[in-house]
């Protein structure tokens, strides 16, 4: 399944479960986008090493 096909399939499920208004509301919330991810990412990761990031990805018991 291509990404486009997957997206259409997911939208169909959302529309079925949430109705047309719910789907529109979902898209508004998750597609409106704001901010500057590239700039913000630099702030989140500033000073972290690759090893520290990898350690945060390790499973915890």
C-alpha atoms as a PDB file:
ATOM      1  CA  UNK A   1       0.000   0.000   0.000  1.00  0.00           C
ATOM      2  CA  UNK A   2       1.472   3.352  -0.999  1.00  0.00           C
ATOM      3  CA  UNK A   3       1.571   6.291   1.404  1.00  0.00           C
ATOM      4  CA  UNK A   4      -1.234   7.974  -0.533  1.00  0.00           C
ATOM      5  CA  UNK A   5      -3.379   4.824  -0.403  1.00  0.00           C
ATOM      6  CA  UNK A   6      -2.668   4.465   3.308  1.00  0.00           C
ATOM      7  CA  UNK A   7      -3.663   8.078   3.942  1.00  0.00           C
ATOM      8  CA  UNK A   8      -6.937   7.639   2.044  1.00  0.00           C
ATOM      9  CA  UNK A   9      -7.660   4.421   3.944  1.00  0.00           C
ATOM     10  CA  UNK A  10      -6.985   6.134   7.284  1.00  0.00           C
ATOM     11  CA  UNK A  11      -9.204   9.093   6.340  1.00  0.00           C
ATOM     12  CA  UNK A  12     -11.969   6.655   5.436  1.00  0.00           C
ATOM     13  CA  UNK A  13     -11.733   5.029   8.861  1.00  0.00           C
ATOM     14  CA  UNK A  14     -11.742   8.411  10.606  1.00  0.00           C
ATOM     15  CA  UNK A  15     -14.754   9.571   8.596  1.00  0.00           C
ATOM     16  CA  UNK A  16     -16.620   6.346   9.355  1.00  0.00           C
ATOM     17  CA  UNK A  17     -15.868   6.571  13.083  1.00  0.00           C
ATOM     18  CA  UNK A  18     -16.050  10.338  13.603  1.00  0.00           C
ATOM     19  CA  UNK A  19     -18.377  11.478  10.834  1.00  0.00           C
ATOM     20  CA  UNK A  20     -17.617  14.223   8.329  1.00  0.00           C
ATOM     21  CA  UNK A  21     -17.486  16.956  10.991  1.00  0.00           C
ATOM     22  CA  UNK A  22     -15.152  14.890  13.184  1.00  0.00           C
ATOM     23  CA  UNK A  23     -12.824  14.202  10.256  1.00  0.00           C
ATOM     24  CA  UNK A  24     -12.740  17.897   9.359  1.00  0.00           C
ATOM     25  CA  UNK A  25     -12.018  18.792  12.987  1.00  0.00           C
ATOM     26  CA  UNK A  26      -9.219  16.219  13.163  1.00  0.00           C
ATOM     27  CA  UNK A  27      -7.626  17.538   9.975  1.00  0.00           C
ATOM     28  CA  UNK A  28      -7.845  21.095  11.241  1.00  0.00           C
ATOM     29  CA  UNK A  29      -6.089  20.138  14.486  1.00  0.00           C
ATOM     30  CA  UNK A  30      -3.338  18.041  12.949  1.00  0.00           C
ATOM     31  CA  UNK A  31      -2.699  19.778   9.651  1.00  0.00           C
ATOM     32  CA  UNK A  32      -2.847  23.419  10.633  1.00  0.00           C
ATOM     33  CA  UNK A  33       0.792  23.317  11.726  1.00  0.00           C
ATOM     34  CA  UNK A  34       2.557  26.232  13.285  1.00  0.00           C
ATOM     35  CA  UNK A  35       6.033  27.065  14.398  1.00  0.00           C
ATOM     36  CA  UNK A  36       9.331  26.239  12.779  1.00  0.00           C
ATOM     37  CA  UNK A  37      10.297  22.608  13.392  1.00  0.00           C
ATOM     38  CA  UNK A  38      13.853  23.054  12.117  1.00  0.00           C
ATOM     39  CA  UNK A  39      14.514  26.002  14.425  1.00  0.00           C
ATOM     40  CA  UNK A  40      12.741  24.391  17.386  1.00  0.00           C
ATOM     41  CA  UNK A  41      14.539  21.062  16.907  1.00  0.00           C
ATOM     42  CA  UNK A  42      17.847  22.874  17.275  1.00  0.00           C
ATOM     43  CA  UNK A  43      16.694  24.188  20.647  1.00  0.00           C
ATOM     44  CA  UNK A  44      15.460  20.770  21.843  1.00  0.00           C
ATOM     45  CA  UNK A  45      18.645  18.986  20.869  1.00  0.00           C
ATOM     46  CA  UNK A  46      21.158  21.694  21.721  1.00  0.00           C
ATOM     47  CA  UNK A  47      24.072  20.245  23.667  1.00  0.00           C
ATOM     48  CA  UNK A  48      22.970  16.599  23.360  1.00  0.00           C
ATOM     49  CA  UNK A  49      25.379  14.025  21.993  1.00  0.00           C
ATOM     50  CA  UNK A  50      24.381  11.137  19.742  1.00  0.00           C
ATOM     51  CA  UNK A  51      25.117   8.794  22.648  1.00  0.00           C
ATOM     52  CA  UNK A  52      22.714  10.677  24.948  1.00  0.00           C
ATOM     53  CA  UNK A  53      19.963  10.585  22.354  1.00  0.00           C
ATOM     54  CA  UNK A  54      20.541   6.854  21.740  1.00  0.00           C
ATOM     55  CA  UNK A  55      20.408   6.194  25.484  1.00  0.00           C
ATOM     56  CA  UNK A  56      16.992   7.895  25.637  1.00  0.00           C
ATOM     57  CA  UNK A  57      15.729   5.523  22.942  1.00  0.00           C
ATOM     58  CA  UNK A  58      16.689   2.379  24.867  1.00  0.00           C
ATOM     59  CA  UNK A  59      13.800   0.438  26.402  1.00  0.00           C
ATOM     60  CA  UNK A  60      13.243   0.896  30.122  1.00  0.00           C
ATOM     61  CA  UNK A  61      12.088  -1.853  32.459  1.00  0.00           C
END
